[in-house]
Each structure stands twice: as C-alpha cells, then as structure tokens.
Amino acid sequence: GGVNIASGHVTGYADVENEWIIHQNPDVILIWSGKAGYKMGERDEVIQLYEEIMGTPGFERIEAVKNDRIYIVTSGFAFGTGSPAALVQVAKWLYPDLFEYINTTEIHAEYLKRFTRTGAEIHEQGTFYYPDGREL
C-alpha cells in the first residue's frame, strides 16, 4: 500500500515543513480536508486548497506535483458514511492501473441508497474528493 512518509517523523496529525516534504519527494500526496463532503457549497474551497498545494513554491520539484497526483479527501467522506467508497478511491489513486474500471461515485451512491436511504443526487451537490472529474 501507500507509505506514510511522515510516519516516525510526527505523531498523530501535525503540520510538517514544506522543505521537508520537498526533500521526501513523495509520489502521491493525500490531504484530508474538513471542507465540503456532505456540506453543500464548499467545492470552491476544496479546489482552492488543491491549487494552493499545487502552487506552493518548490513543490514543482515533487514527483506528486509533476505527475498531478495530489488528492484531497473530505473528512466526511473518509471518516463518515462514505468511508467504504473513500477506501476504494484511495486505492484507485495509489494503484490506478489495478482499479481503472471502478467507479467510486457509483459505489458511494449505491452505498448511500442501500444503507442510508439517500440518493445519488448527493454527488451532484457535495464534494467528497478532488480532483473528481467534474467540471470546475
């Protein structure tokens, strides 16, 4: 699976210096965001976070940035009722060739329909991960 480059460097959730991230040169960067998810109208804030990370000075040298492998997962999706689909999405990001034909949106919508009695329209209103293939 993916390797947490900060394991052993920080305990729990903590900030790390940009220079340290540049030195580690990760292939993929996953970011958890408290914005959006099932909350409506916060998509722009998730996109802004993505753009800030992509534009961080020095990050252009990081493989994850060079290869557009920066991903944001909203905490409501990752740690809430969407967590089964979130795990699939992270696997898809880490191993795109193995999970190329899996549609996370369909998995999440089916999960919500069967177990929470809500519908697929949530995906049209919420932002659960980014980039998500939807138009800006």
Protein backbone atom coordinates (compact mmCIF):
# COMPACT_ATOMS: atom_id res chain seq x y z
CA GLY A 1 0.00 0.00 0.00
CA GLY A 2 0.90 3.61 0.27
CA VAL A 3 3.67 4.56 2.67
CA ASN A 4 3.12 7.42 5.08
CA ILE A 5 6.34 9.42 4.70
CA ALA A 6 5.61 11.23 7.98
CA SER A 7 5.36 8.02 10.00
CA GLY A 8 8.04 8.24 12.66
CA HIS A 9 8.50 11.94 11.93
CA VAL A 10 5.29 13.22 13.54
CA THR A 11 2.77 11.84 15.98
CA GLY A 12 -0.92 11.95 15.09
CA TYR A 13 -1.99 14.86 12.95
CA ALA A 14 0.66 17.52 12.64
CA ASP A 15 2.00 20.07 10.21
CA VAL A 16 5.33 19.46 8.53
CA GLU A 17 7.58 21.99 6.85
CA ASN A 18 7.32 22.41 3.08
CA GLU A 19 11.08 21.92 2.76
CA TRP A 20 10.77 18.54 4.49
CA ILE A 21 8.05 17.46 2.04
CA ILE A 22 10.19 18.60 -0.91
CA HIS A 23 13.14 16.61 0.44
CA GLN A 24 10.95 13.49 0.86
CA ASN A 25 9.71 13.88 -2.74
CA PRO A 26 6.53 11.77 -2.45
CA ASP A 27 4.96 10.12 -5.49
CA VAL A 28 1.45 10.81 -4.17
CA ILE A 29 0.14 13.35 -1.67
CA LEU A 30 -3.18 12.72 0.09
CA ILE A 31 -4.73 15.55 2.05
CA TRP A 32 -7.70 15.34 4.40
CA SER A 33 -9.97 18.39 4.37
CA GLY A 34 -12.73 19.34 6.77
CA LYS A 35 -14.43 21.30 3.99
CA ALA A 36 -17.22 20.12 1.71
CA GLY A 37 -18.19 16.44 1.77
CA TYR A 38 -21.89 16.26 2.51
CA LYS A 39 -21.94 20.01 3.12
CA MET A 40 -23.10 21.87 0.07
CA GLY A 41 -21.45 24.92 -1.45
CA GLU A 42 -17.87 24.40 -0.30
CA ARG A 43 -16.48 22.93 -3.51
CA ASP A 44 -14.61 26.15 -4.31
CA GLU A 45 -12.74 25.92 -1.00
CA VAL A 46 -11.56 22.39 -1.80
CA ILE A 47 -10.43 23.48 -5.26
CA GLN A 48 -8.63 26.47 -3.74
CA LEU A 49 -6.78 24.17 -1.33
CA TYR A 50 -5.75 21.95 -4.24
CA GLU A 51 -4.49 24.92 -6.25
CA GLU A 52 -2.57 26.29 -3.25
CA ILE A 53 -0.79 22.98 -2.79
CA MET A 54 -0.01 22.65 -6.49
CA GLY A 55 1.36 26.21 -6.49
CA THR A 56 3.45 26.01 -3.32
CA PRO A 57 6.96 27.31 -4.12
CA GLY A 58 9.37 24.41 -4.52
CA PHE A 59 6.61 21.82 -4.91
CA GLU A 60 7.14 21.84 -8.68
CA ARG A 61 10.14 19.58 -7.92
CA ILE A 62 7.97 16.95 -6.18
CA GLU A 63 7.00 13.89 -8.24
CA ALA A 64 3.41 14.05 -6.97
CA VAL A 65 3.03 17.58 -8.34
CA LYS A 66 4.87 16.85 -11.60
CA ASN A 67 2.53 13.90 -12.24
CA ASP A 68 -0.71 15.52 -10.98
CA ARG A 69 -1.01 13.07 -8.10
CA ILE A 70 -2.20 15.45 -5.38
CA TYR A 71 -5.55 14.31 -3.99
CA ILE A 72 -7.90 15.76 -1.41
CA VAL A 73 -10.36 13.63 0.53
CA THR A 74 -13.00 15.32 2.64
CA SER A 75 -13.22 14.11 6.21
CA GLY A 76 -16.98 13.47 6.00
CA PHE A 77 -16.35 11.08 3.12
CA ALA A 78 -13.25 9.43 4.56
CA PHE A 79 -14.42 9.02 8.13
CA GLY A 80 -18.21 9.10 7.79
CA THR A 81 -20.82 7.06 5.97
CA GLY A 82 -18.81 7.24 2.76
CA SER A 83 -15.73 5.55 4.17
CA PRO A 84 -16.09 2.29 2.19
CA ALA A 85 -16.12 4.28 -1.05
CA ALA A 86 -13.31 6.52 0.23
CA LEU A 87 -11.09 3.48 0.75
CA VAL A 88 -11.77 2.40 -2.82
CA GLN A 89 -10.97 5.91 -4.09
CA VAL A 90 -7.64 5.98 -2.24
CA ALA A 91 -6.79 2.54 -3.65
CA LYS A 92 -7.66 3.84 -7.11
CA TRP A 93 -5.33 6.82 -6.66
CA LEU A 94 -2.47 4.67 -5.38
CA TYR A 95 -2.91 1.91 -7.97
CA PRO A 96 -4.68 3.47 -10.97
CA ASP A 97 -3.93 0.55 -13.29
CA LEU A 98 -5.48 -2.01 -10.93
CA PHE A 99 -8.65 -0.01 -10.27
CA GLU A 100 -9.07 1.73 -13.62
CA TYR A 101 -12.61 0.46 -14.23
CA ILE A 102 -14.00 1.03 -10.76
CA ASN A 103 -16.36 3.98 -10.43
CA THR A 104 -16.19 5.35 -6.89
CA THR A 105 -19.17 7.65 -7.43
CA GLU A 106 -21.35 4.66 -8.29
CA ILE A 107 -20.10 2.71 -5.27
CA HIS A 108 -20.79 5.63 -2.95
CA ALA A 109 -24.24 6.28 -4.44
CA GLU A 110 -25.18 2.60 -4.11
CA TYR A 111 -23.93 2.53 -0.53
CA LEU A 112 -25.94 5.63 0.36
CA LYS A 113 -29.06 4.31 -1.35
CA ARG A 114 -28.94 0.87 0.27
CA PHE A 115 -27.75 1.74 3.76
CA THR A 116 -28.68 5.36 4.44
CA ARG A 117 -31.78 5.76 2.28
CA THR A 118 -30.37 8.79 0.49
CA GLY A 119 -29.80 9.11 -3.22
CA ALA A 120 -27.17 9.68 -5.85
CA GLU A 121 -28.12 13.36 -6.10
CA ILE A 122 -25.82 13.93 -3.14
CA HIS A 123 -22.90 13.55 -5.56
CA GLU A 124 -24.21 16.38 -7.65
CA GLN A 125 -24.36 18.64 -4.59
CA GLY A 126 -21.45 17.61 -2.38
CA THR A 127 -17.72 17.34 -2.97
CA PHE A 128 -16.19 14.23 -1.49
CA TYR A 129 -12.76 14.13 -3.09
CA TYR A 130 -10.81 16.21 -5.56
CA PRO A 131 -9.97 16.02 -8.39
CA ASP A 132 -13.23 14.22 -9.03
CA GLY A 133 -13.61 14.52 -12.79
CA ARG A 134 -16.39 17.10 -12.58
CA GLU A 135 -16.15 20.37 -14.44
CA LEU A 136 -14.91 23.35 -12.44
